[in-house]
């Protein structure tokens, strides 16, 4: 009994450190006092991608870094920066990836036009395959037709004695 209790305590001790090592929950957001500034901040939150979640805006992300990004955006808006300055600062820190709609420039052409190019390439490939002429077959000679008829007649008898009609 003592041995089982000791094993249970040790196994619980081995599983507790990973739980304790998790990231603590972020501090709750403190909205700005000015309603207009808070509305600007929330509009920016929807346009900024969480760098951890990658598919969520920082407004919806529970990640700690998203909370830090929300706090940073609020601080910059409270400091009097424009929306474009806030976006520029975030791009400087995290790269173009942080924006859901990255700017159109040479480094992002593939991002903007890559799906269209892939779609056009697939369409061209399908068009090429569809327009390809089928190979013409020559008709069978009389000797070949008799050989074929003989082979088909031999096939009428089932080569597999265990085969059932449902196997056809």
Protein backbone atom coordinates (compact mmCIF):
# COMPACT_ATOMS: atom_id res chain seq x y z
CA UNK A 1 0.00 0.00 0.00
CA UNK A 2 2.83 2.38 0.88
CA UNK A 3 4.56 1.48 -2.36
CA UNK A 4 1.47 2.34 -4.44
CA UNK A 5 1.11 5.64 -2.58
CA UNK A 6 4.77 6.44 -3.20
CA UNK A 7 4.40 5.67 -6.93
CA UNK A 8 1.32 7.88 -7.14
CA UNK A 9 3.07 10.79 -5.40
CA UNK A 10 6.17 10.47 -7.60
CA UNK A 11 4.14 10.27 -10.82
CA UNK A 12 2.10 13.31 -9.77
CA UNK A 13 5.35 15.13 -9.02
CA UNK A 14 6.64 14.31 -12.50
CA UNK A 15 3.55 15.68 -14.22
CA UNK A 16 3.26 18.86 -12.13
CA UNK A 17 6.35 20.73 -13.46
CA UNK A 18 5.10 20.97 -17.08
CA UNK A 19 1.81 22.39 -15.82
CA UNK A 20 3.64 24.88 -13.61
CA UNK A 21 5.96 25.87 -16.49
CA UNK A 22 3.10 27.15 -18.67
CA UNK A 23 2.89 30.78 -19.59
CA UNK A 24 0.89 32.75 -17.05
CA UNK A 25 -2.33 34.26 -18.33
CA UNK A 26 -1.93 37.83 -19.62
CA UNK A 27 -3.06 40.72 -17.49
CA UNK A 28 -6.55 41.90 -18.36
CA UNK A 29 -6.74 44.66 -20.94
CA UNK A 30 -7.21 48.18 -19.67
CA UNK A 31 -9.11 50.24 -22.22
CA UNK A 32 -8.16 53.82 -22.95
CA UNK A 33 -10.07 56.56 -21.14
CA UNK A 34 -10.91 58.40 -24.37
CA UNK A 35 -13.70 56.56 -26.21
CA UNK A 36 -12.52 57.75 -29.64
CA UNK A 37 -8.98 56.52 -29.00
CA UNK A 38 -10.28 53.16 -27.76
CA UNK A 39 -12.38 52.82 -30.92
CA UNK A 40 -9.27 53.52 -33.03
CA UNK A 41 -7.32 50.94 -31.03
CA UNK A 42 -10.03 48.29 -31.50
CA UNK A 43 -10.13 49.00 -35.24
CA UNK A 44 -6.36 48.49 -35.37
CA UNK A 45 -6.63 45.29 -33.32
CA UNK A 46 -8.76 43.75 -36.07
CA UNK A 47 -6.12 44.59 -38.75
CA UNK A 48 -3.11 43.23 -36.85
CA UNK A 49 -2.25 39.51 -36.89
CA UNK A 50 -1.12 37.72 -33.75
CA UNK A 51 2.44 36.53 -34.34
CA UNK A 52 1.82 33.38 -32.28
CA UNK A 53 -1.63 32.33 -33.49
CA UNK A 54 -1.01 33.52 -37.09
CA UNK A 55 -4.65 33.17 -38.10
CA UNK A 56 -6.24 35.39 -35.47
CA UNK A 57 -6.29 39.11 -34.98
CA UNK A 58 -4.79 40.36 -31.74
CA UNK A 59 -8.29 41.36 -30.70
CA UNK A 60 -9.34 37.69 -30.57
CA UNK A 61 -6.08 36.03 -29.54
CA UNK A 62 -5.60 34.78 -25.97
CA UNK A 63 -1.78 34.64 -26.39
CA UNK A 64 0.37 36.69 -24.06
CA UNK A 65 2.17 38.42 -26.93
CA UNK A 66 -1.19 39.50 -28.36
CA UNK A 67 -1.98 41.17 -25.03
CA UNK A 68 1.43 42.87 -25.18
CA UNK A 69 0.70 44.03 -28.74
CA UNK A 70 -2.70 45.39 -27.68
CA UNK A 71 -1.05 47.26 -24.81
CA UNK A 72 1.60 48.65 -27.20
CA UNK A 73 -1.05 49.84 -29.67
CA UNK A 74 -2.98 51.55 -26.88
CA UNK A 75 0.18 53.23 -25.57
CA UNK A 76 1.09 54.56 -29.01
CA UNK A 77 -2.45 55.85 -29.64
CA UNK A 78 -2.45 57.52 -26.21
CA UNK A 79 0.90 59.10 -27.14
CA UNK A 80 -0.79 60.74 -30.14
CA UNK A 81 0.54 58.60 -32.98
CA UNK A 82 -1.56 58.08 -36.10
CA UNK A 83 -2.86 54.68 -37.20
CA UNK A 84 -0.27 54.58 -39.99
CA UNK A 85 2.55 55.30 -37.55
CA UNK A 86 1.33 52.50 -35.28
CA UNK A 87 1.22 50.07 -38.23
CA UNK A 88 4.69 51.18 -39.38
CA UNK A 89 6.11 50.58 -35.91
CA UNK A 90 4.56 47.09 -35.74
CA UNK A 91 5.91 46.24 -39.21
CA UNK A 92 9.34 47.45 -38.10
CA UNK A 93 9.19 45.15 -35.08
CA UNK A 94 7.51 42.05 -36.55
CA UNK A 95 7.68 42.40 -40.34
CA UNK A 96 4.96 42.62 -43.00
CA UNK A 97 3.44 39.37 -41.73
CA UNK A 98 1.89 41.20 -38.78
CA UNK A 99 -0.62 42.96 -41.06
CA UNK A 100 -3.56 41.07 -42.50
CA UNK A 101 -3.27 43.26 -45.62
CA UNK A 102 0.47 43.73 -46.22
CA UNK A 103 1.62 46.58 -48.49
CA UNK A 104 2.04 45.99 -52.21
CA UNK A 105 5.76 46.17 -52.96
CA UNK A 106 8.44 44.04 -54.59
CA UNK A 107 8.92 41.84 -51.49
CA UNK A 108 5.23 40.98 -51.28
CA UNK A 109 4.40 40.42 -54.98
CA UNK A 110 4.38 36.67 -54.54
CA UNK A 111 1.99 37.03 -51.62
CA UNK A 112 -0.38 39.22 -53.63
CA UNK A 113 -0.12 37.65 -57.09
CA UNK A 114 1.05 34.09 -56.30
CA UNK A 115 -2.45 32.61 -55.95
CA UNK A 116 -3.55 34.22 -59.23
CA UNK A 117 -0.43 32.93 -61.00
CA UNK A 118 -1.04 29.41 -59.64
CA UNK A 119 -4.66 29.55 -60.77
CA UNK A 120 -3.67 30.71 -64.26
CA UNK A 121 -0.99 28.00 -64.51
CA UNK A 122 -3.49 25.32 -63.48
CA UNK A 123 -6.03 26.64 -66.00
CA UNK A 124 -3.42 26.66 -68.76
CA UNK A 125 -2.43 23.10 -67.88
CA UNK A 126 -6.04 21.92 -67.98
CA UNK A 127 -6.60 23.72 -71.28
CA UNK A 128 -3.49 22.08 -72.73
CA UNK A 129 -4.62 18.62 -71.65
CA UNK A 130 -8.17 19.19 -72.92
CA UNK A 131 -7.03 20.42 -76.33
CA UNK A 132 -4.53 17.64 -76.87
CA UNK A 133 -5.64 15.54 -79.80
CA UNK A 134 -6.46 11.95 -79.04
CA UNK A 135 -4.25 9.41 -80.73
CA UNK A 136 -5.96 7.78 -83.65
CA UNK A 137 -6.14 4.02 -83.63
CA UNK A 138 -6.01 1.97 -86.77
CA UNK A 139 -8.80 -0.54 -87.30
CA UNK A 140 -8.03 -4.21 -86.72
CA UNK A 141 -7.26 -6.43 -89.66
CA UNK A 142 -9.42 -9.47 -90.38
CA UNK A 143 -6.82 -11.81 -88.84
CA UNK A 144 -6.61 -9.67 -85.69
CA UNK A 145 -10.39 -9.62 -85.38
CA UNK A 146 -10.60 -13.42 -85.56
CA UNK A 147 -7.83 -13.72 -82.94
CA UNK A 148 -9.69 -11.27 -80.72
CA UNK A 149 -12.95 -13.18 -81.12
CA UNK A 150 -11.19 -16.42 -80.20
CA UNK A 151 -9.60 -14.83 -77.09
CA UNK A 152 -12.92 -13.41 -75.97
CA UNK A 153 -14.62 -16.75 -76.47
CA UNK A 154 -11.97 -18.40 -74.29
CA UNK A 155 -12.56 -15.76 -71.63
CA UNK A 156 -16.25 -16.66 -71.46
CA UNK A 157 -15.23 -19.64 -69.31
CA UNK A 158 -14.21 -18.46 -65.87
CA UNK A 159 -10.53 -19.04 -65.25
CA UNK A 160 -11.13 -18.86 -61.48
CA UNK A 161 -13.33 -21.72 -60.28
CA UNK A 162 -14.01 -19.93 -56.98
CA UNK A 163 -15.32 -16.78 -58.68
CA UNK A 164 -18.97 -15.83 -58.19
CA UNK A 165 -21.18 -13.84 -60.53
CA UNK A 166 -21.00 -10.93 -58.06
CA UNK A 167 -17.22 -10.77 -58.58
CA UNK A 168 -17.66 -9.48 -62.14
